[in-house]
PDB file of N, CA and C in Angstrom:
ATOM      1  N   UNK A   1      39.879-166.230  31.713  1.00  0.00           N
ATOM      2  CA  UNK A   1      40.807-165.976  32.861  1.00  0.00           C
ATOM      3  C   UNK A   1      41.599-167.360  32.704  1.00  0.00           C
ATOM      4  N   UNK A   2      42.468-166.640  33.396  1.00  0.00           N
ATOM      5  CA  UNK A   2      43.686-168.157  33.609  1.00  0.00           C
ATOM      6  C   UNK A   2      43.321-168.914  34.705  1.00  0.00           C
ATOM      7  N   UNK A   3      43.671-169.689  34.568  1.00  0.00           N
ATOM      8  CA  UNK A   3      43.212-170.596  35.971  1.00  0.00           C
ATOM      9  C   UNK A   3      44.549-170.553  36.952  1.00  0.00           C
ATOM     10  N   UNK A   4      44.502-170.271  38.592  1.00  0.00           N
ATOM     11  CA  UNK A   4      46.131-170.128  38.781  1.00  0.00           C
ATOM     12  C   UNK A   4      46.681-171.345  38.835  1.00  0.00           C
ATOM     13  N   UNK A   5      47.547-170.770  39.460  1.00  0.00           N
ATOM     14  CA  UNK A   5      48.797-172.480  39.031  1.00  0.00           C
ATOM     15  C   UNK A   5      49.249-172.386  40.239  1.00  0.00           C
ATOM     16  N   UNK A   6      49.313-173.651  40.677  1.00  0.00           N
ATOM     17  CA  UNK A   6      49.217-174.499  42.167  1.00  0.00           C
ATOM     18  C   UNK A   6      50.934-175.029  42.131  1.00  0.00           C
ATOM     19  N   UNK A   7      51.677-174.381  43.291  1.00  0.00           N
ATOM     20  CA  UNK A   7      53.041-174.743  44.131  1.00  0.00           C
ATOM     21  C   UNK A   7      52.884-176.922  43.827  1.00  0.00           C
ATOM     22  N   UNK A   8      53.886-177.529  42.707  1.00  0.00           N
ATOM     23  CA  UNK A   8      54.160-178.298  42.895  1.00  0.00           C
ATOM     24  C   UNK A   8      54.940-179.475  44.037  1.00  0.00           C
ATOM     25  N   UNK A   9      53.796-180.358  44.409  1.00  0.00           N
ATOM     26  CA  UNK A   9      54.390-180.518  46.061  1.00  0.00           C
ATOM     27  C   UNK A   9      55.585-181.630  45.749  1.00  0.00           C
ATOM     28  N   UNK A  10      56.457-182.218  46.291  1.00  0.00           N
ATOM     29  CA  UNK A  10      57.355-182.734  45.706  1.00  0.00           C
ATOM     30  C   UNK A  10      57.212-184.271  45.781  1.00  0.00           C
ATOM     31  N   UNK A  11      55.887-184.452  46.357  1.00  0.00           N
ATOM     32  CA  UNK A  11      54.867-186.232  46.425  1.00  0.00           C
ATOM     33  C   UNK A  11      54.459-186.119  45.437  1.00  0.00           C
ATOM     34  N   UNK A  12      54.053-185.147  44.305  1.00  0.00           N
ATOM     35  CA  UNK A  12      53.208-184.862  43.346  1.00  0.00           C
ATOM     36  C   UNK A  12      54.350-186.744  42.166  1.00  0.00           C
ATOM     37  N   UNK A  13      55.259-186.383  42.107  1.00  0.00           N
ATOM     38  CA  UNK A  13      56.264-186.893  41.082  1.00  0.00           C
ATOM     39  C   UNK A  13      56.758-188.474  41.845  1.00  0.00           C
ATOM     40  N   UNK A  14      56.657-188.616  42.866  1.00  0.00           N
ATOM     41  CA  UNK A  14      57.174-189.577  43.539  1.00  0.00           C
ATOM     42  C   UNK A  14      56.720-190.860  43.066  1.00  0.00           C
ATOM     43  N   UNK A  15      57.358-191.728  43.119  1.00  0.00           N
ATOM     44  CA  UNK A  15      56.882-193.435  43.052  1.00  0.00           C
ATOM     45  C   UNK A  15      57.353-193.706  44.382  1.00  0.00           C
ATOM     46  N   UNK A  16      56.561-194.963  44.387  1.00  0.00           N
ATOM     47  CA  UNK A  16      56.799-195.797  45.763  1.00  0.00           C
ATOM     48  C   UNK A  16      58.075-197.228  45.653  1.00  0.00           C
ATOM     49  N   UNK A  17      58.585-196.973  46.146  1.00  0.00           N
ATOM     50  CA  UNK A  17      59.629-197.923  46.068  1.00  0.00           C
ATOM     51  C   UNK A  17      60.140-198.502  47.718  1.00  0.00           C
ATOM     52  N   UNK A  18      60.069-200.121  47.351  1.00  0.00           N
ATOM     53  CA  UNK A  18      59.703-201.203  48.312  1.00  0.00           C
ATOM     54  C   UNK A  18      61.264-201.053  48.285  1.00  0.00           C
ATOM     55  N   UNK A  19      61.989-201.315  49.760  1.00  0.00           N
ATOM     56  CA  UNK A  19      63.321-201.565  49.998  1.00  0.00           C
ATOM     57  C   UNK A  19      63.805-202.329  51.101  1.00  0.00           C
ATOM     58  N   UNK A  20      64.497-203.520  51.642  1.00  0.00           N
ATOM     59  CA  UNK A  20      64.859-204.421  52.300  1.00  0.00           C
ATOM     60  C   UNK A  20      66.598-203.724  52.562  1.00  0.00           C
ATOM     61  N   UNK A  21      67.112-202.315  53.162  1.00  0.00           N
ATOM     62  CA  UNK A  21      68.241-202.462  53.950  1.00  0.00           C
ATOM     63  C   UNK A  21      68.755-202.420  55.042  1.00  0.00           C
ATOM     64  N   UNK A  22      70.006-203.785  54.996  1.00  0.00           N
ATOM     65  CA  UNK A  22      70.462-203.366  56.470  1.00  0.00           C
ATOM     66  C   UNK A  22      71.574-202.189  56.898  1.00  0.00           C
ATOM     67  N   UNK A  23      71.569-202.221  57.864  1.00  0.00           N
ATOM     68  CA  UNK A  23      72.039-200.769  58.547  1.00  0.00           C
ATOM     69  C   UNK A  23      72.798-200.529  58.260  1.00  0.00           C
ATOM     70  N   UNK A  24      74.104-201.374  57.986  1.00  0.00           N
ATOM     71  CA  UNK A  24      74.966-200.508  56.880  1.00  0.00           C
ATOM     72  C   UNK A  24      74.402-200.064  56.086  1.00  0.00           C
ATOM     73  N   UNK A  25      74.390-200.697  54.637  1.00  0.00           N
ATOM     74  CA  UNK A  25      73.950-200.000  53.870  1.00  0.00           C
ATOM     75  C   UNK A  25      72.870-198.533  53.796  1.00  0.00           C
ATOM     76  N   UNK A  26      72.664-198.523  54.712  1.00  0.00           N
ATOM     77  CA  UNK A  26      70.988-197.204  54.940  1.00  0.00           C
ATOM     78  C   UNK A  26      72.641-196.401  55.565  1.00  0.00           C
ATOM     79  N   UNK A  27      73.974-196.403  56.317  1.00  0.00           N
ATOM     80  CA  UNK A  27      74.910-195.571  56.520  1.00  0.00           C
ATOM     81  C   UNK A  27      75.786-195.100  56.100  1.00  0.00           C
ATOM     82  N   UNK A  28      75.992-196.391  54.885  1.00  0.00           N
ATOM     83  CA  UNK A  28      77.166-196.074  53.906  1.00  0.00           C
ATOM     84  C   UNK A  28      75.844-194.763  52.523  1.00  0.00           C
ATOM     85  N   UNK A  29      74.331-195.499  52.597  1.00  0.00           N
ATOM     86  CA  UNK A  29      73.622-194.328  51.795  1.00  0.00           C
ATOM     87  C   UNK A  29      73.994-193.315  52.425  1.00  0.00           C
ATOM     88  N   UNK A  30      73.827-192.787  53.490  1.00  0.00           N
ATOM     89  CA  UNK A  30      73.485-191.410  53.719  1.00  0.00           C
ATOM     90  C   UNK A  30      74.438-190.574  54.273  1.00  0.00           C
ATOM     91  N   UNK A  31      76.106-191.813  54.347  1.00  0.00           N
ATOM     92  CA  UNK A  31      76.768-190.695  54.131  1.00  0.00           C
ATOM     93  C   UNK A  31      77.552-190.643  53.092  1.00  0.00           C
ATOM     94  N   UNK A  32      76.707-191.504  51.372  1.00  0.00           N
ATOM     95  CA  UNK A  32      76.852-190.197  50.248  1.00  0.00           C
ATOM     96  C   UNK A  32      76.047-189.402  49.355  1.00  0.00           C
ATOM     97  N   UNK A  33      75.230-189.780  50.132  1.00  0.00           N
ATOM     98  CA  UNK A  33      74.739-188.114  50.314  1.00  0.00           C
ATOM     99  C   UNK A  33      75.018-187.524  50.879  1.00  0.00           C
ATOM    100  N   UNK A  34      75.915-187.303  52.078  1.00  0.00           N
ATOM    101  CA  UNK A  34      75.880-186.451  52.819  1.00  0.00           C
ATOM    102  C   UNK A  34      76.966-185.211  51.846  1.00  0.00           C
ATOM    103  N   UNK A  35      78.228-186.760  52.019  1.00  0.00           N
ATOM    104  CA  UNK A  35      79.505-186.220  51.330  1.00  0.00           C
ATOM    105  C   UNK A  35      79.161-186.030  49.901  1.00  0.00           C
ATOM    106  N   UNK A  36      77.606-186.082  49.224  1.00  0.00           N
ATOM    107  CA  UNK A  36      77.437-185.576  47.855  1.00  0.00           C
ATOM    108  C   UNK A  36      76.985-183.996  48.225  1.00  0.00           C
ATOM    109  N   UNK A  37      76.209-183.476  49.182  1.00  0.00           N
ATOM    110  CA  UNK A  37      75.819-182.270  49.546  1.00  0.00           C
ATOM    111  C   UNK A  37      76.746-181.539  50.156  1.00  0.00           C
ATOM    112  N   UNK A  38      77.675-181.678  50.826  1.00  0.00           N
ATOM    113  CA  UNK A  38      79.511-180.739  51.750  1.00  0.00           C
ATOM    114  C   UNK A  38      80.218-181.084  49.865  1.00  0.00           C
ATOM    115  N   UNK A  39      79.946-181.720  48.996  1.00  0.00           N
ATOM    116  CA  UNK A  39      81.131-181.169  47.681  1.00  0.00           C
ATOM    117  C   UNK A  39      80.103-180.497  46.730  1.00  0.00           C
ATOM    118  N   UNK A  40      78.474-180.473  46.682  1.00  0.00           N
ATOM    119  CA  UNK A  40      78.044-178.921  46.142  1.00  0.00           C
ATOM    120  C   UNK A  40      77.747-178.219  46.728  1.00  0.00           C
ATOM    121  N   UNK A  41      78.077-177.566  48.235  1.00  0.00           N
ATOM    122  CA  UNK A  41      78.185-176.529  48.194  1.00  0.00           C
ATOM    123  C   UNK A  41      79.568-176.167  48.726  1.00  0.00           C
ATOM    124  N   UNK A  42      80.301-176.735  48.924  1.00  0.00           N
ATOM    125  CA  UNK A  42      82.053-176.421  48.364  1.00  0.00           C
ATOM    126  C   UNK A  42      81.865-175.935  47.025  1.00  0.00           C
ATOM    127  N   UNK A  43      81.308-176.144  45.896  1.00  0.00           N
ATOM    128  CA  UNK A  43      81.386-175.117  44.791  1.00  0.00           C
ATOM    129  C   UNK A  43      80.336-174.317  45.097  1.00  0.00           C
ATOM    130  N   UNK A  44      79.913-173.654  45.805  1.00  0.00           N
ATOM    131  CA  UNK A  44      78.787-172.855  46.221  1.00  0.00           C
ATOM    132  C   UNK A  44      77.212-172.720  45.356  1.00  0.00           C
ATOM    133  N   UNK A  45      77.263-174.252  45.076  1.00  0.00           N
ATOM    134  CA  UNK A  45      75.772-174.776  44.606  1.00  0.00           C
ATOM    135  C   UNK A  45      74.928-175.128  45.511  1.00  0.00           C
ATOM    136  N   UNK A  46      73.837-175.215  45.089  1.00  0.00           N
ATOM    137  CA  UNK A  46      72.979-176.153  46.308  1.00  0.00           C
ATOM    138  C   UNK A  46      72.165-176.909  45.932  1.00  0.00           C
ATOM    139  N   UNK A  47      71.519-177.575  46.588  1.00  0.00           N
ATOM    140  CA  UNK A  47      70.214-178.416  45.915  1.00  0.00           C
ATOM    141  C   UNK A  47      68.749-177.006  46.057  1.00  0.00           C
ATOM    142  N   UNK A  48      68.494-176.742  45.088  1.00  0.00           N
ATOM    143  CA  UNK A  48      67.169-176.150  45.312  1.00  0.00           C
ATOM    144  C   UNK A  48      65.748-176.826  45.196  1.00  0.00           C
ATOM    145  N   UNK A  49      65.529-177.270  44.830  1.00  0.00           N
ATOM    146  CA  UNK A  49      64.356-178.102  45.270  1.00  0.00           C
ATOM    147  C   UNK A  49      64.806-179.478  45.590  1.00  0.00           C
ATOM    148  N   UNK A  50      64.278-180.167  46.881  1.00  0.00           N
ATOM    149  CA  UNK A  50      62.906-181.725  47.015  1.00  0.00           C
ATOM    150  C   UNK A  50      63.583-182.746  45.707  1.00  0.00           C
ATOM    151  N   UNK A  51      63.668-182.409  44.376  1.00  0.00           N
ATOM    152  CA  UNK A  51      63.175-183.591  43.671  1.00  0.00           C
ATOM    153  C   UNK A  51      64.008-183.604  43.001  1.00  0.00           C
ATOM    154  N   UNK A  52      65.541-181.735  43.321  1.00  0.00           N
ATOM    155  CA  UNK A  52      66.420-183.267  42.968  1.00  0.00           C
ATOM    156  C   UNK A  52      67.227-183.607  44.079  1.00  0.00           C
ATOM    157  N   UNK A  53      66.771-183.456  44.924  1.00  0.00           N
ATOM    158  CA  UNK A  53      67.955-184.246  46.494  1.00  0.00           C
ATOM    159  C   UNK A  53      67.053-185.701  45.972  1.00  0.00           C
ATOM    160  N   UNK A  54      65.894-185.533  45.812  1.00  0.00           N
ATOM    161  CA  UNK A  54      65.468-187.538  45.424  1.00  0.00           C
ATOM    162  C   UNK A  54      65.855-188.287  44.119  1.00  0.00           C
ATOM    163  N   UNK A  55      65.511-187.014  43.200  1.00  0.00           N
ATOM    164  CA  UNK A  55      66.466-187.670  42.154  1.00  0.00           C
ATOM    165  C   UNK A  55      68.003-188.726  42.382  1.00  0.00           C
ATOM    166  N   UNK A  56      68.664-187.326  43.303  1.00  0.00           N
ATOM    167  CA  UNK A  56      70.541-188.043  43.291  1.00  0.00           C
ATOM    168  C   UNK A  56      70.123-189.112  44.631  1.00  0.00           C
ATOM    169  N   UNK A  57      68.954-188.709  45.578  1.00  0.00           N
ATOM    170  CA  UNK A  57      68.938-190.381  46.435  1.00  0.00           C
ATOM    171  C   UNK A  57      68.450-191.486  45.415  1.00  0.00           C
ATOM    172  N   UNK A  58      67.796-191.521  44.717  1.00  0.00           N
ATOM    173  CA  UNK A  58      67.525-192.634  44.019  1.00  0.00           C
ATOM    174  C   UNK A  58      68.818-193.204  43.337  1.00  0.00           C
ATOM    175  N   UNK A  59      69.520-191.899  42.576  1.00  0.00           N
ATOM    176  CA  UNK A  59      70.490-192.581  41.915  1.00  0.00           C
ATOM    177  C   UNK A  59      71.439-193.647  42.563  1.00  0.00           C
ATOM    178  N   UNK A  60      71.903-193.212  44.202  1.00  0.00           N
ATOM    179  CA  UNK A  60      72.429-194.207  45.680  1.00  0.00           C
ATOM    180  C   UNK A  60      71.714-195.027  45.748  1.00  0.00           C
ATOM    181  N   UNK A  61      70.235-195.553  45.556  1.00  0.00           N
ATOM    182  CA  UNK A  61      69.511-196.684  45.608  1.00  0.00           C
ATOM    183  C   UNK A  61      69.809-197.992  44.812  1.00  0.00           C
ATOM    184  N   UNK A  62      69.946-197.166  43.847  1.00  0.00           N
ATOM    185  CA  UNK A  62      69.692-198.619  42.555  1.00  0.00           C
ATOM    186  C   UNK A  62      71.201-198.612  42.198  1.00  0.00           C
ATOM    187  N   UNK A  63      72.189-198.231  42.489  1.00  0.00           N
ATOM    188  CA  UNK A  63      73.744-198.498  42.323  1.00  0.00           C
ATOM    189  C   UNK A  63      73.702-200.065  42.199  1.00  0.00           C
ATOM    190  N   UNK A  64      73.811-200.734  41.557  1.00  0.00           N
ATOM    191  CA  UNK A  64      74.021-202.074  41.996  1.00  0.00           C
ATOM    192  C   UNK A  64      76.033-202.324  42.590  1.00  0.00           C
ATOM    193  N   UNK A  65      75.961-202.575  43.326  1.00  0.00           N
ATOM    194  CA  UNK A  65      77.384-202.402  44.181  1.00  0.00           C
ATOM    195  C   UNK A  65      78.051-203.967  43.476  1.00  0.00           C
ATOM    196  N   UNK A  66      79.597-203.123  42.839  1.00  0.00           N
ATOM    197  CA  UNK A  66      80.550-204.048  42.578  1.00  0.00           C
ATOM    198  C   UNK A  66      80.395-205.345  43.184  1.00  0.00           C
ATOM    199  N   UNK A  67      80.771-206.569  42.497  1.00  0.00           N
ATOM    200  CA  UNK A  67      80.918-207.854  43.341  1.00  0.00           C
ATOM    201  C   UNK A  67      82.082-208.079  43.231  1.00  0.00           C
ATOM    202  N   UNK A  68      83.304-208.328  44.566  1.00  0.00           N
ATOM    203  CA  UNK A  68      84.242-208.339  44.189  1.00  0.00           C
ATOM    204  C   UNK A  68      85.147-209.232  43.850  1.00  0.00           C
TER     205      UNK A  68
END
């Protein structure tokens, strides 16, 4: 008999991250994420799962800001 498959929870693949962000950096990241989600919705697409959304947020968080 086959074992029952189990729903994979978003936390199953999460890594712990220790970040120290200023209030301005948090606002910038959230605004960028919101704009990205709106762009997907304008194209008629959407994030289908939390893992995809988490990966996108991780990309925003790990980007190095350009030096002036």
